[in-house]
Protein backbone atom coordinates (compact mmCIF):
# COMPACT_ATOMS: atom_id res chain seq x y z
CA MET A 1 -6.63 4.21 20.41
CA LEU A 2 -7.79 3.14 16.94
CA ALA A 3 -8.78 5.63 14.29
CA ASN A 4 -10.97 3.86 11.78
CA LYS A 5 -12.40 5.70 8.81
CA LYS A 6 -14.08 4.29 5.72
CA LEU A 7 -13.66 6.38 2.61
CA ILE A 8 -15.99 5.76 -0.31
CA TYR A 9 -15.17 6.31 -4.00
CA ASN A 10 -18.16 5.35 -6.09
CA ASN A 11 -18.71 1.79 -4.91
CA SER A 12 -15.13 1.47 -3.65
CA ILE A 13 -14.42 1.48 0.06
CA ILE A 14 -11.08 2.22 1.67
CA ASP A 15 -10.98 1.08 5.29
CA LEU A 16 -8.11 3.03 6.85
CA GLN A 17 -6.93 1.70 10.22
CA ILE A 18 -4.31 3.83 11.95
CA ILE A 19 -2.86 1.78 14.79
CA TYR A 20 0.54 3.50 14.91
CA LYS A 21 0.21 7.17 15.80
CA SER A 22 2.49 9.80 14.27
CA ASN A 23 2.18 13.41 13.19
CA ASP A 24 3.94 12.36 9.97
CA ILE A 25 0.96 10.32 8.73
CA PRO A 26 -0.77 12.09 5.83
CA ASN A 27 -4.46 12.85 6.17
CA LYS A 28 -7.08 10.30 5.20
CA LEU A 29 -7.92 12.14 1.99
CA LYS A 30 -4.41 11.43 0.67
CA PHE A 31 -4.98 7.70 1.11
CA GLN A 32 -8.31 8.07 -0.66
CA LYS A 33 -6.65 9.87 -3.57
CA TRP A 34 -3.92 7.23 -3.88
CA VAL A 35 -6.30 4.27 -3.91
CA LYS A 36 -8.87 6.07 -6.08
CA THR A 37 -6.17 6.75 -8.69
CA ILE A 38 -5.00 3.13 -8.71
CA LEU A 39 -8.55 1.78 -9.05
CA PHE A 40 -9.33 4.35 -11.76
CA TYR A 41 -6.15 3.35 -13.64
CA PHE A 42 -7.39 -0.25 -13.75
CA GLN A 43 -11.05 0.77 -14.18
CA ILE A 44 -12.21 -1.28 -11.21
CA GLN A 45 -14.13 -0.71 -8.01
CA ALA A 46 -13.05 -2.55 -4.91
CA GLN A 47 -12.84 -2.66 -1.15
CA ILE A 48 -9.40 -2.40 0.39
CA THR A 49 -8.13 -2.14 3.95
CA ILE A 50 -4.98 -0.18 4.75
CA ARG A 51 -3.59 -0.68 8.24
CA LEU A 52 -0.69 1.41 9.60
CA VAL A 53 1.11 -0.53 12.32
CA ASP A 54 4.20 -0.52 14.54
CA LYS A 55 7.26 -2.75 14.18
CA LYS A 56 5.94 -5.35 16.63
CA GLU A 57 2.76 -6.05 14.66
CA SER A 58 4.68 -6.06 11.38
CA TYR A 59 7.23 -8.47 12.85
CA ASN A 60 4.52 -10.84 14.13
CA LEU A 61 2.63 -10.86 10.82
CA ASN A 62 5.80 -11.26 8.76
CA LEU A 63 6.84 -14.20 10.95
CA LYS A 64 3.42 -15.84 10.84
CA TYR A 65 2.75 -15.48 7.11
CA ARG A 66 6.22 -15.33 5.54
CA GLY A 67 8.41 -17.05 8.12
CA LYS A 68 10.68 -14.00 8.34
CA ARG A 69 11.93 -12.81 11.73
CA ARG A 70 11.86 -9.09 11.07
CA PRO A 71 9.36 -6.33 10.46
CA THR A 72 8.87 -5.26 6.85
CA ASN A 73 7.67 -2.10 5.16
CA ILE A 74 4.50 -3.58 3.69
CA LEU A 75 2.56 -6.83 3.63
CA SER A 76 -0.19 -7.51 1.11
CA PHE A 77 -2.96 -9.98 1.85
CA SER A 78 -5.14 -10.75 -1.17
CA PHE A 79 -8.70 -11.82 -0.57
CA GLU A 80 -9.34 -15.00 -2.49
CA LYS A 81 -13.08 -15.30 -2.60
CA PRO A 82 -15.00 -18.37 -3.62
CA LEU A 83 -16.51 -18.03 -7.10
CA TRP A 84 -20.07 -18.01 -5.77
CA ILE A 85 -19.48 -14.93 -3.58
CA ASN A 86 -20.05 -11.60 -5.31
CA LEU A 87 -17.76 -9.23 -3.41
CA SER A 88 -15.32 -6.65 -4.66
CA LEU A 89 -12.98 -7.15 -1.70
CA LEU A 90 -9.43 -6.75 -2.99
CA GLY A 91 -7.54 -7.38 0.24
CA ASP A 92 -5.51 -5.79 3.01
CA LEU A 93 -2.31 -3.78 3.10
CA VAL A 94 -0.40 -3.71 6.38
CA ILE A 95 2.18 -0.92 6.41
CA CYS A 96 4.82 -0.56 9.11
CA PHE A 97 4.97 3.20 9.46
CA PRO A 98 8.26 3.39 11.44
CA ILE A 99 9.99 1.50 8.62
CA ILE A 100 8.43 3.84 6.03
CA GLN A 101 9.82 6.81 7.99
CA LYS A 102 13.28 5.23 8.15
CA GLU A 103 13.36 4.24 4.47
CA ALA A 104 12.14 7.67 3.35
CA ALA A 105 14.95 9.34 5.31
CA GLU A 106 17.55 6.90 3.94
CA GLN A 107 16.33 7.43 0.36
CA GLY A 108 16.01 11.20 0.64
CA LYS A 109 12.27 11.09 -0.06
CA SER A 110 9.37 12.68 1.71
CA ILE A 111 7.42 10.32 3.94
CA GLU A 112 4.27 11.10 1.96
CA CYS A 113 5.91 10.19 -1.34
CA HIS A 114 7.34 6.93 0.00
CA LEU A 115 4.07 5.99 1.68
CA ALA A 116 2.15 6.69 -1.54
CA HIS A 117 4.58 4.42 -3.38
CA MET A 118 4.07 1.63 -0.84
CA VAL A 119 0.28 1.91 -1.22
CA VAL A 120 0.65 1.72 -5.01
CA HIS A 121 3.13 -1.16 -4.76
CA GLY A 122 1.02 -3.13 -2.29
CA THR A 123 -2.19 -2.60 -4.24
CA LEU A 124 -0.49 -3.94 -7.37
CA HIS A 125 0.35 -7.07 -5.39
CA LEU A 126 -3.33 -7.36 -4.44
CA LEU A 127 -4.15 -7.12 -8.16
CA GLY A 128 -1.83 -10.04 -8.91
CA TYR A 129 1.38 -8.27 -9.92
CA ASP A 130 4.70 -9.55 -8.62
CA HIS A 131 8.43 -8.95 -8.95
CA TYR A 132 10.07 -12.34 -8.44
CA LYS A 133 11.37 -12.45 -12.00
CA VAL A 134 13.05 -9.63 -13.91
CA TYR A 135 10.28 -9.30 -16.52
CA GLN A 136 7.65 -9.18 -13.74
CA ALA A 137 9.60 -6.53 -11.85
CA LYS A 138 9.97 -4.37 -14.97
CA LYS A 139 6.24 -4.56 -15.70
CA MET A 140 5.28 -3.80 -12.09
CA GLU A 141 7.77 -0.94 -11.77
CA SER A 142 6.54 0.55 -15.04
CA ILE A 143 2.97 0.66 -13.73
CA GLU A 144 4.13 2.05 -10.37
CA ILE A 145 6.01 4.86 -12.15
CA LYS A 146 2.93 5.70 -14.26
CA ILE A 147 0.58 5.79 -11.27
CA MET A 148 3.02 7.80 -9.15
CA SER A 149 3.28 10.28 -12.02
CA LEU A 150 -0.52 10.54 -12.20
CA LEU A 151 -0.44 11.32 -8.48
CA GLY A 152 2.16 14.04 -9.04
CA TYR A 153 5.08 12.20 -7.45
CA PRO A 154 8.51 11.49 -9.00
CA ASN A 155 9.75 8.12 -10.19
CA PRO A 156 10.12 6.12 -6.95
CA TYR A 157 13.02 4.14 -8.38
CA TYR A 158 15.14 7.17 -9.21
CA LEU A 159 17.25 8.21 -6.26
CA ASP A 160 18.79 11.66 -6.47
CA TYR A 161 21.70 11.71 -4.05
């Protein structure tokens, strides 16, 4: 069964698609808060789809679009619109929730905190940020840390073991 809920922040729309069912998934208002904070940070309004999936769907998408034979925690698909189309569609985030659960446990983080970080991280990719080079990674991580702090979460790159 598909739970599909569109959350509106000003002219921004968050299309939340929950394909993978779990009692550990935060409520829809959390997703709204996370995306709203990111968009406010950059002073933009946009449409974004967040899809929570199982390992099979993540595996298939990762294979099709990245050539990798494994599921991954998050995939970001930017919408590249033609110049003549006036849409604020930012793109899609596909999050493999079982991997988020596993990573959160391994890193000693709450699922909510790790999921919030993945939404921030993926949205930054949709906005054009990357981490292939050291200077890019430092810039992206710096913004992630700031936004996570605004959301009331700790530095996602600091592991307290």
